[in-house]
Amino acid sequence: MAVAYQSGTVNGAVLADTHFAAPRPHGPVINGVDIFESQLQKALSALGITVDWVEDWDLYHTLDGEVHCGSNTLRSIPSLGWWETGR
């Protein structure tokens, strides 16, 4: 069995069209900046999405989970399949 060394930022939860709760990645810090946090914030801010960082290391990550494992969110299924969006 293989497990992740650090938290996977994609394993978060969509809170709203403009907010994403991501596990804090604890990535490499260069010049005082976690480069994994910075990259995700930059990529999602270009889409108008704010990242809300969640410290899940002790609660979920060490037990082989992430933010989405501890969430109970309701989602609506879009009528159009993602493969039909042209994105």
PDB file of N, CA and C in Angstrom:
ATOM      1  N   MET A   1       0.835  -1.177   0.000  1.00  0.00           N
ATOM      2  CA  MET A   1       0.000   0.000   0.000  1.00  0.00           C
ATOM      3  C   MET A   1       0.880   1.241   0.000  1.00  0.00           C
ATOM      4  N   ALA A   2       0.501   2.224  -0.771  1.00  0.00           N
ATOM      5  CA  ALA A   2       1.230   3.487  -0.816  1.00  0.00           C
ATOM      6  C   ALA A   2       0.348   4.601  -0.263  1.00  0.00           C
ATOM      7  N   VAL A   3       0.948   5.520   0.465  1.00  0.00           N
ATOM      8  CA  VAL A   3       0.210   6.666   1.000  1.00  0.00           C
ATOM      9  C   VAL A   3       0.957   7.939   0.653  1.00  0.00           C
ATOM     10  N   ALA A   4       0.253   9.042   0.679  1.00  0.00           N
ATOM     11  CA  ALA A   4       0.837  10.332   0.318  1.00  0.00           C
ATOM     12  C   ALA A   4       1.708  10.868   1.448  1.00  0.00           C
ATOM     13  N   TYR A   5       2.853  11.400   1.092  1.00  0.00           N
ATOM     14  CA  TYR A   5       3.752  12.000   2.068  1.00  0.00           C
ATOM     15  C   TYR A   5       3.192  13.320   2.578  1.00  0.00           C
ATOM     16  N   GLN A   6       2.568  14.074   1.673  1.00  0.00           N
ATOM     17  CA  GLN A   6       2.001  15.359   2.066  1.00  0.00           C
ATOM     18  C   GLN A   6       0.563  15.468   1.591  1.00  0.00           C
ATOM     19  N   SER A   7      -0.137  16.421   2.161  1.00  0.00           N
ATOM     20  CA  SER A   7      -1.550  16.609   1.828  1.00  0.00           C
ATOM     21  C   SER A   7      -1.721  16.950   0.359  1.00  0.00           C
ATOM     22  N   GLY A   8      -2.744  16.373  -0.262  1.00  0.00           N
ATOM     23  CA  GLY A   8      -3.052  16.643  -1.663  1.00  0.00           C
ATOM     24  C   GLY A   8      -4.078  17.760  -1.762  1.00  0.00           C
ATOM     25  N   THR A   9      -3.686  18.896  -2.311  1.00  0.00           N
ATOM     26  CA  THR A   9      -4.560  20.066  -2.346  1.00  0.00           C
ATOM     27  C   THR A   9      -5.831  19.848  -3.153  1.00  0.00           C
ATOM     28  N   VAL A  10      -5.815  18.944  -4.105  1.00  0.00           N
ATOM     29  CA  VAL A  10      -7.026  18.699  -4.890  1.00  0.00           C
ATOM     30  C   VAL A  10      -8.073  17.933  -4.095  1.00  0.00           C
ATOM     31  N   ASN A  11      -7.687  17.357  -2.986  1.00  0.00           N
ATOM     32  CA  ASN A  11      -8.608  16.579  -2.169  1.00  0.00           C
ATOM     33  C   ASN A  11      -9.323  17.455  -1.144  1.00  0.00           C
ATOM     34  N   GLY A  12      -9.772  18.589  -1.597  1.00  0.00           N
ATOM     35  CA  GLY A  12     -10.519  19.511  -0.765  1.00  0.00           C
ATOM     36  C   GLY A  12     -12.003  19.400  -1.033  1.00  0.00           C
ATOM     37  N   ALA A  13     -12.714  20.461  -0.718  1.00  0.00           N
ATOM     38  CA  ALA A  13     -14.163  20.478  -0.927  1.00  0.00           C
ATOM     39  C   ALA A  13     -14.574  21.827  -1.495  1.00  0.00           C
ATOM     40  N   VAL A  14     -15.432  21.802  -2.494  1.00  0.00           N
ATOM     41  CA  VAL A  14     -15.975  23.035  -3.056  1.00  0.00           C
ATOM     42  C   VAL A  14     -17.033  23.551  -2.081  1.00  0.00           C
ATOM     43  N   LEU A  15     -16.840  24.767  -1.596  1.00  0.00           N
ATOM     44  CA  LEU A  15     -17.777  25.365  -0.646  1.00  0.00           C
ATOM     45  C   LEU A  15     -18.826  26.203  -1.354  1.00  0.00           C
ATOM     46  N   ALA A  16     -18.443  26.811  -2.448  1.00  0.00           N
ATOM     47  CA  ALA A  16     -19.323  27.658  -3.251  1.00  0.00           C
ATOM     48  C   ALA A  16     -18.644  27.858  -4.601  1.00  0.00           C
ATOM     49  N   ASP A  17     -19.310  28.529  -5.502  1.00  0.00           N
ATOM     50  CA  ASP A  17     -18.706  28.781  -6.815  1.00  0.00           C
ATOM     51  C   ASP A  17     -17.396  29.548  -6.708  1.00  0.00           C
ATOM     52  N   THR A  18     -17.214  30.276  -5.615  1.00  0.00           N
ATOM     53  CA  THR A  18     -16.033  31.130  -5.472  1.00  0.00           C
ATOM     54  C   THR A  18     -15.135  30.737  -4.310  1.00  0.00           C
ATOM     55  N   HIS A  19     -15.391  29.604  -3.663  1.00  0.00           N
ATOM     56  CA  HIS A  19     -14.575  29.190  -2.513  1.00  0.00           C
ATOM     57  C   HIS A  19     -14.287  27.695  -2.542  1.00  0.00           C
ATOM     58  N   PHE A  20     -13.008  27.378  -2.325  1.00  0.00           N
ATOM     59  CA  PHE A  20     -12.557  25.987  -2.281  1.00  0.00           C
ATOM     60  C   PHE A  20     -11.790  25.775  -0.987  1.00  0.00           C
ATOM     61  N   ALA A  21     -12.176  24.781  -0.191  1.00  0.00           N
ATOM     62  CA  ALA A  21     -11.471  24.445   1.044  1.00  0.00           C
ATOM     63  C   ALA A  21     -10.426  23.388   0.712  1.00  0.00           C
ATOM     64  N   ALA A  22      -9.166  23.763   0.815  1.00  0.00           N
ATOM     65  CA  ALA A  22      -8.072  22.859   0.463  1.00  0.00           C
ATOM     66  C   ALA A  22      -7.263  22.510   1.701  1.00  0.00           C
ATOM     67  N   PRO A  23      -6.782  21.270   1.772  1.00  0.00           N
ATOM     68  CA  PRO A  23      -5.909  20.930   2.887  1.00  0.00           C
ATOM     69  C   PRO A  23      -4.579  21.678   2.753  1.00  0.00           C
ATOM     70  N   ARG A  24      -4.088  22.193   3.874  1.00  0.00           N
ATOM     71  CA  ARG A  24      -2.788  22.879   3.841  1.00  0.00           C
ATOM     72  C   ARG A  24      -1.733  21.852   3.433  1.00  0.00           C
ATOM     73  N   PRO A  25      -0.968  22.122   2.348  1.00  0.00           N
ATOM     74  CA  PRO A  25      -0.090  21.102   1.780  1.00  0.00           C
ATOM     75  C   PRO A  25       1.225  20.848   2.530  1.00  0.00           C
ATOM     76  N   HIS A  26       1.669  21.804   3.332  1.00  0.00           N
ATOM     77  CA  HIS A  26       2.963  21.652   4.021  1.00  0.00           C
ATOM     78  C   HIS A  26       4.052  21.345   2.996  1.00  0.00           C
ATOM     79  N   GLY A  27       4.055  22.133   1.931  1.00  0.00           N
ATOM     80  CA  GLY A  27       5.028  21.938   0.854  1.00  0.00           C
ATOM     81  C   GLY A  27       6.329  22.657   1.130  1.00  0.00           C
ATOM     82  N   PRO A  28       7.223  22.659   0.152  1.00  0.00           N
ATOM     83  CA  PRO A  28       8.503  23.341   0.297  1.00  0.00           C
ATOM     84  C   PRO A  28       8.287  24.845   0.479  1.00  0.00           C
ATOM     85  N   VAL A  29       9.013  25.427   1.426  1.00  0.00           N
ATOM     86  CA  VAL A  29       8.920  26.863   1.681  1.00  0.00           C
ATOM     87  C   VAL A  29      10.155  27.532   1.096  1.00  0.00           C
ATOM     88  N   ILE A  30       9.912  28.438   0.150  1.00  0.00           N
ATOM     89  CA  ILE A  30      10.995  29.183  -0.485  1.00  0.00           C
ATOM     90  C   ILE A  30      10.724  30.665  -0.269  1.00  0.00           C
ATOM     91  N   ASN A  31      11.703  31.360   0.315  1.00  0.00           N
ATOM     92  CA  ASN A  31      11.555  32.781   0.648  1.00  0.00           C
ATOM     93  C   ASN A  31      10.307  33.022   1.488  1.00  0.00           C
ATOM     94  N   GLY A  32      10.033  32.109   2.418  1.00  0.00           N
ATOM     95  CA  GLY A  32       8.910  32.263   3.332  1.00  0.00           C
ATOM     96  C   GLY A  32       7.554  31.913   2.749  1.00  0.00           C
ATOM     97  N   VAL A  33       7.520  31.353   1.535  1.00  0.00           N
ATOM     98  CA  VAL A  33       6.256  31.037   0.864  1.00  0.00           C
ATOM     99  C   VAL A  33       6.174  29.542   0.571  1.00  0.00           C
ATOM    100  N   ASP A  34       5.063  28.912   0.985  1.00  0.00           N
ATOM    101  CA  ASP A  34       4.814  27.516   0.619  1.00  0.00           C
ATOM    102  C   ASP A  34       4.477  27.530  -0.873  1.00  0.00           C
ATOM    103  N   ILE A  35       5.334  26.949  -1.695  1.00  0.00           N
ATOM    104  CA  ILE A  35       5.159  27.063  -3.141  1.00  0.00           C
ATOM    105  C   ILE A  35       3.941  26.298  -3.649  1.00  0.00           C
ATOM    106  N   PHE A  36       3.503  25.260  -2.929  1.00  0.00           N
ATOM    107  CA  PHE A  36       2.303  24.540  -3.349  1.00  0.00           C
ATOM    108  C   PHE A  36       1.054  25.369  -3.050  1.00  0.00           C
ATOM    109  N   GLU A  37       1.028  26.041  -1.905  1.00  0.00           N
ATOM    110  CA  GLU A  37      -0.091  26.932  -1.591  1.00  0.00           C
ATOM    111  C   GLU A  37      -0.153  28.061  -2.616  1.00  0.00           C
ATOM    112  N   SER A  38       0.995  28.649  -2.880  1.00  0.00           N
ATOM    113  CA  SER A  38       1.067  29.774  -3.809  1.00  0.00           C
ATOM    114  C   SER A  38       0.570  29.389  -5.199  1.00  0.00           C
ATOM    115  N   GLN A  39       0.981  28.209  -5.672  1.00  0.00           N
ATOM    116  CA  GLN A  39       0.584  27.768  -7.013  1.00  0.00           C
ATOM    117  C   GLN A  39      -0.916  27.571  -7.101  1.00  0.00           C
ATOM    118  N   LEU A  40      -1.511  26.912  -6.092  1.00  0.00           N
ATOM    119  CA  LEU A  40      -2.951  26.665  -6.141  1.00  0.00           C
ATOM    120  C   LEU A  40      -3.734  27.964  -6.039  1.00  0.00           C
ATOM    121  N   GLN A  41      -3.302  28.865  -5.151  1.00  0.00           N
ATOM    122  CA  GLN A  41      -3.983  30.150  -5.032  1.00  0.00           C
ATOM    123  C   GLN A  41      -3.921  30.933  -6.344  1.00  0.00           C
ATOM    124  N   LYS A  42      -2.775  30.922  -6.989  1.00  0.00           N
ATOM    125  CA  LYS A  42      -2.613  31.642  -8.257  1.00  0.00           C
ATOM    126  C   LYS A  42      -3.514  31.045  -9.340  1.00  0.00           C
ATOM    127  N   ALA A  43      -3.522  29.726  -9.449  1.00  0.00           N
ATOM    128  CA  ALA A  43      -4.323  29.059 -10.483  1.00  0.00           C
ATOM    129  C   ALA A  43      -5.818  29.281 -10.260  1.00  0.00           C
ATOM    130  N   LEU A  44      -6.280  29.147  -9.020  1.00  0.00           N
ATOM    131  CA  LEU A  44      -7.709  29.294  -8.768  1.00  0.00           C
ATOM    132  C   LEU A  44      -8.163  30.750  -8.737  1.00  0.00           C
ATOM    133  N   SER A  45      -7.294  31.651  -8.308  1.00  0.00           N
ATOM    134  CA  SER A  45      -7.688  33.068  -8.307  1.00  0.00           C
ATOM    135  C   SER A  45      -7.914  33.569  -9.734  1.00  0.00           C
ATOM    136  N   ALA A  46      -7.208  32.991 -10.698  1.00  0.00           N
ATOM    137  CA  ALA A  46      -7.419  33.356 -12.103  1.00  0.00           C
ATOM    138  C   ALA A  46      -8.833  32.991 -12.558  1.00  0.00           C
ATOM    139  N   LEU A  47      -9.472  32.058 -11.838  1.00  0.00           N
ATOM    140  CA  LEU A  47     -10.839  31.633 -12.146  1.00  0.00           C
ATOM    141  C   LEU A  47     -11.862  32.279 -11.211  1.00  0.00           C
ATOM    142  N   GLY A  48     -11.392  33.201 -10.367  1.00  0.00           N
ATOM    143  CA  GLY A  48     -12.286  33.881  -9.433  1.00  0.00           C
ATOM    144  C   GLY A  48     -12.614  33.060  -8.197  1.00  0.00           C
ATOM    145  N   ILE A  49     -11.747  32.109  -7.884  1.00  0.00           N
ATOM    146  CA  ILE A  49     -11.985  31.223  -6.737  1.00  0.00           C
ATOM    147  C   ILE A  49     -10.980  31.528  -5.628  1.00  0.00           C
ATOM    148  N   THR A  50     -11.491  31.680  -4.415  1.00  0.00           N
ATOM    149  CA  THR A  50     -10.662  31.895  -3.238  1.00  0.00           C
ATOM    150  C   THR A  50     -10.399  30.557  -2.565  1.00  0.00           C
ATOM    151  N   VAL A  51      -9.149  30.341  -2.164  1.00  0.00           N
ATOM    152  CA  VAL A  51      -8.791  29.114  -1.457  1.00  0.00           C
ATOM    153  C   VAL A  51      -8.860  29.381   0.042  1.00  0.00           C
ATOM    154  N   ASP A  52      -9.619  28.559   0.736  1.00  0.00           N
ATOM    155  CA  ASP A  52      -9.693  28.598   2.194  1.00  0.00           C
ATOM    156  C   ASP A  52      -8.882  27.409   2.691  1.00  0.00           C
ATOM    157  N   TRP A  53      -7.745  27.679   3.330  1.00  0.00           N
ATOM    158  CA  TRP A  53      -6.845  26.613   3.757  1.00  0.00           C
ATOM    159  C   TRP A  53      -7.343  25.969   5.037  1.00  0.00           C
ATOM    160  N   VAL A  54      -7.307  24.635   5.070  1.00  0.00           N
ATOM    161  CA  VAL A  54      -7.752  23.864   6.223  1.00  0.00           C
ATOM    162  C   VAL A  54      -6.575  23.043   6.742  1.00  0.00           C
ATOM    163  N   GLU A  55      -6.309  23.167   8.030  1.00  0.00           N
ATOM    164  CA  GLU A  55      -5.250  22.365   8.640  1.00  0.00           C
ATOM    165  C   GLU A  55      -5.839  21.003   9.010  1.00  0.00           C
ATOM    166  N   ASP A  56      -5.560  19.998   8.188  1.00  0.00           N
ATOM    167  CA  ASP A  56      -6.138  18.668   8.419  1.00  0.00           C
ATOM    168  C   ASP A  56      -5.087  17.603   8.711  1.00  0.00           C
ATOM    169  N   TRP A  57      -3.851  18.035   8.941  1.00  0.00           N
ATOM    170  CA  TRP A  57      -2.753  17.086   9.075  1.00  0.00           C
ATOM    171  C   TRP A  57      -3.030  16.011  10.130  1.00  0.00           C
ATOM    172  N   ASP A  58      -3.282  16.437  11.371  1.00  0.00           N
ATOM    173  CA  ASP A  58      -3.486  15.467  12.451  1.00  0.00           C
ATOM    174  C   ASP A  58      -4.842  14.777  12.366  1.00  0.00           C
ATOM    175  N   LEU A  59      -5.852  15.511  11.957  1.00  0.00           N
ATOM    176  CA  LEU A  59      -7.203  14.971  11.968  1.00  0.00           C
ATOM    177  C   LEU A  59      -7.477  13.973  10.835  1.00  0.00           C
ATOM    178  N   TYR A  60      -6.965  14.264   9.621  1.00  0.00           N
ATOM    179  CA  TYR A  60      -7.259  13.383   8.489  1.00  0.00           C
ATOM    180  C   TYR A  60      -6.026  12.836   7.779  1.00  0.00           C
ATOM    181  N   HIS A  61      -5.049  13.699   7.479  1.00  0.00           N
ATOM    182  CA  HIS A  61      -3.923  13.256   6.650  1.00  0.00           C
ATOM    183  C   HIS A  61      -3.166  12.078   7.266  1.00  0.00           C
ATOM    184  N   THR A  62      -2.890  12.150   8.554  1.00  0.00           N
ATOM    185  CA  THR A  62      -2.141  11.053   9.179  1.00  0.00           C
ATOM    186  C   THR A  62      -2.950   9.759   9.224  1.00  0.00           C
ATOM    187  N   LEU A  63      -4.248   9.859   8.973  1.00  0.00           N
ATOM    188  CA  LEU A  63      -5.107   8.678   8.914  1.00  0.00           C
ATOM    189  C   LEU A  63      -5.453   8.326   7.460  1.00  0.00           C
ATOM    190  N   ASP A  64      -4.610   8.816   6.521  1.00  0.00           N
ATOM    191  CA  ASP A  64      -4.734   8.553   5.082  1.00  0.00           C
ATOM    192  C   ASP A  64      -5.956   9.197   4.441  1.00  0.00           C
ATOM    193  N   GLY A  65      -6.366  10.352   4.927  1.00  0.00           N
ATOM    194  CA  GLY A  65      -7.492  11.082   4.342  1.00  0.00           C
ATOM    195  C   GLY A  65      -7.138  12.546   4.141  1.00  0.00           C
ATOM    196  N   GLU A  66      -8.085  13.307   3.640  1.00  0.00           N
ATOM    197  CA  GLU A  66      -7.917  14.751   3.469  1.00  0.00           C
ATOM    198  C   GLU A  66      -9.243  15.431   3.772  1.00  0.00           C
ATOM    199  N   VAL A  67      -9.339  16.709   3.451  1.00  0.00           N
ATOM    200  CA  VAL A  67     -10.518  17.514   3.779  1.00  0.00           C
ATOM    201  C   VAL A  67     -11.804  16.872   3.273  1.00  0.00           C
ATOM    202  N   HIS A  68     -11.807  16.397   2.041  1.00  0.00           N
ATOM    203  CA  HIS A  68     -13.037  15.845   1.477  1.00  0.00           C
ATOM    204  C   HIS A  68     -13.516  14.613   2.242  1.00  0.00           C
ATOM    205  N   CYS A  69     -12.594  13.910   2.910  1.00  0.00           N
ATOM    206  CA  CYS A  69     -12.977  12.723   3.689  1.00  0.00           C
ATOM    207  C   CYS A  69     -13.801  13.103   4.911  1.00  0.00           C
ATOM    208  N   GLY A  70     -13.590  14.296   5.417  1.00  0.00           N
ATOM    209  CA  GLY A  70     -14.305  14.727   6.606  1.00  0.00           C
ATOM    210  C   GLY A  70     -15.445  15.668   6.310  1.00  0.00           C
ATOM    211  N   SER A  71     -15.772  15.836   5.048  1.00  0.00           N
ATOM    212  CA  SER A  71     -16.850  16.763   4.697  1.00  0.00           C
ATOM    213  C   SER A  71     -18.124  15.995   4.354  1.00  0.00           C
ATOM    214  N   ASN A  72     -19.194  16.673   4.532  1.00  0.00           N
ATOM    215  CA  ASN A  72     -20.497  16.110   4.190  1.00  0.00           C
ATOM    216  C   ASN A  72     -21.207  17.182   3.365  1.00  0.00           C
ATOM    217  N   THR A  73     -20.806  17.310   2.120  1.00  0.00           N
ATOM    218  CA  THR A  73     -21.333  18.376   1.277  1.00  0.00           C
ATOM    219  C   THR A  73     -22.373  17.831   0.310  1.00  0.00           C
ATOM    220  N   LEU A  74     -23.320  18.672   0.004  1.00  0.00           N
ATOM    221  CA  LEU A  74     -24.327  18.326  -0.997  1.00  0.00           C
ATOM    222  C   LEU A  74     -23.876  18.884  -2.333  1.00  0.00           C
ATOM    223  N   ARG A  75     -24.044  18.103  -3.363  1.00  0.00           N
ATOM    224  CA  ARG A  75     -23.648  18.551  -4.701  1.00  0.00           C
ATOM    225  C   ARG A  75     -24.809  18.314  -5.653  1.00  0.00           C
ATOM    226  N   SER A  76     -24.948  19.216  -6.596  1.00  0.00           N
ATOM    227  CA  SER A  76     -25.961  19.007  -7.623  1.00  0.00           C
ATOM    228  C   SER A  76     -25.255  18.508  -8.881  1.00  0.00           C
ATOM    229  N   ILE A  77     -25.848  17.570  -9.539  1.00  0.00           N
ATOM    230  CA  ILE A  77     -25.293  17.018 -10.766  1.00  0.00           C
ATOM    231  C   ILE A  77     -25.691  17.936 -11.925  1.00  0.00           C
ATOM    232  N   PRO A  78     -24.714  18.476 -12.649  1.00  0.00           N
ATOM    233  CA  PRO A  78     -25.052  19.338 -13.778  1.00  0.00           C
ATOM    234  C   PRO A  78     -25.766  18.541 -14.877  1.00  0.00           C
ATOM    235  N   SER A  79     -26.633  19.206 -15.594  1.00  0.00           N
ATOM    236  CA  SER A  79     -27.350  18.528 -16.677  1.00  0.00           C
ATOM    237  C   SER A  79     -26.431  18.257 -17.869  1.00  0.00           C
ATOM    238  N   LEU A  80     -25.352  18.999 -17.975  1.00  0.00           N
ATOM    239  CA  LEU A  80     -24.396  18.857 -19.068  1.00  0.00           C
ATOM    240  C   LEU A  80     -23.161  18.136 -18.551  1.00  0.00           C
ATOM    241  N   GLY A  81     -22.731  17.090 -19.241  1.00  0.00           N
ATOM    242  CA  GLY A  81     -21.535  16.362 -18.845  1.00  0.00           C
ATOM    243  C   GLY A  81     -20.287  17.209 -19.042  1.00  0.00           C
ATOM    244  N   TRP A  82     -19.285  17.045 -18.186  1.00  0.00           N
ATOM    245  CA  TRP A  82     -18.063  17.830 -18.295  1.00  0.00           C
ATOM    246  C   TRP A  82     -17.408  17.675 -19.652  1.00  0.00           C
ATOM    247  N   TRP A  83     -17.551  16.497 -20.261  1.00  0.00           N
ATOM    248  CA  TRP A  83     -16.929  16.241 -21.559  1.00  0.00           C
ATOM    249  C   TRP A  83     -17.648  16.991 -22.689  1.00  0.00           C
ATOM    250  N   GLU A  84     -18.828  17.547 -22.398  1.00  0.00           N
ATOM    251  CA  GLU A  84     -19.573  18.289 -23.405  1.00  0.00           C
ATOM    252  C   GLU A  84     -19.387  19.803 -23.295  1.00  0.00           C
ATOM    253  N   THR A  85     -18.562  20.247 -22.369  1.00  0.00           N
ATOM    254  CA  THR A  85     -18.413  21.684 -22.131  1.00  0.00           C
ATOM    255  C   THR A  85     -17.395  22.338 -23.058  1.00  0.00           C
ATOM    256  N   GLY A  86     -16.536  21.517 -23.691  1.00  0.00           N
ATOM    257  CA  GLY A  86     -15.525  22.093 -24.573  1.00  0.00           C
ATOM    258  C   GLY A  86     -14.330  22.624 -23.825  1.00  0.00           C
ATOM    259  N   ARG A  87     -14.260  22.361 -22.532  1.00  0.00           N
ATOM    260  CA  ARG A  87     -13.120  22.849 -21.718  1.00  0.00           C
ATOM    261  C   ARG A  87     -12.031  21.828 -21.663  1.00  0.00           C
TER     262      ARG A  87
END
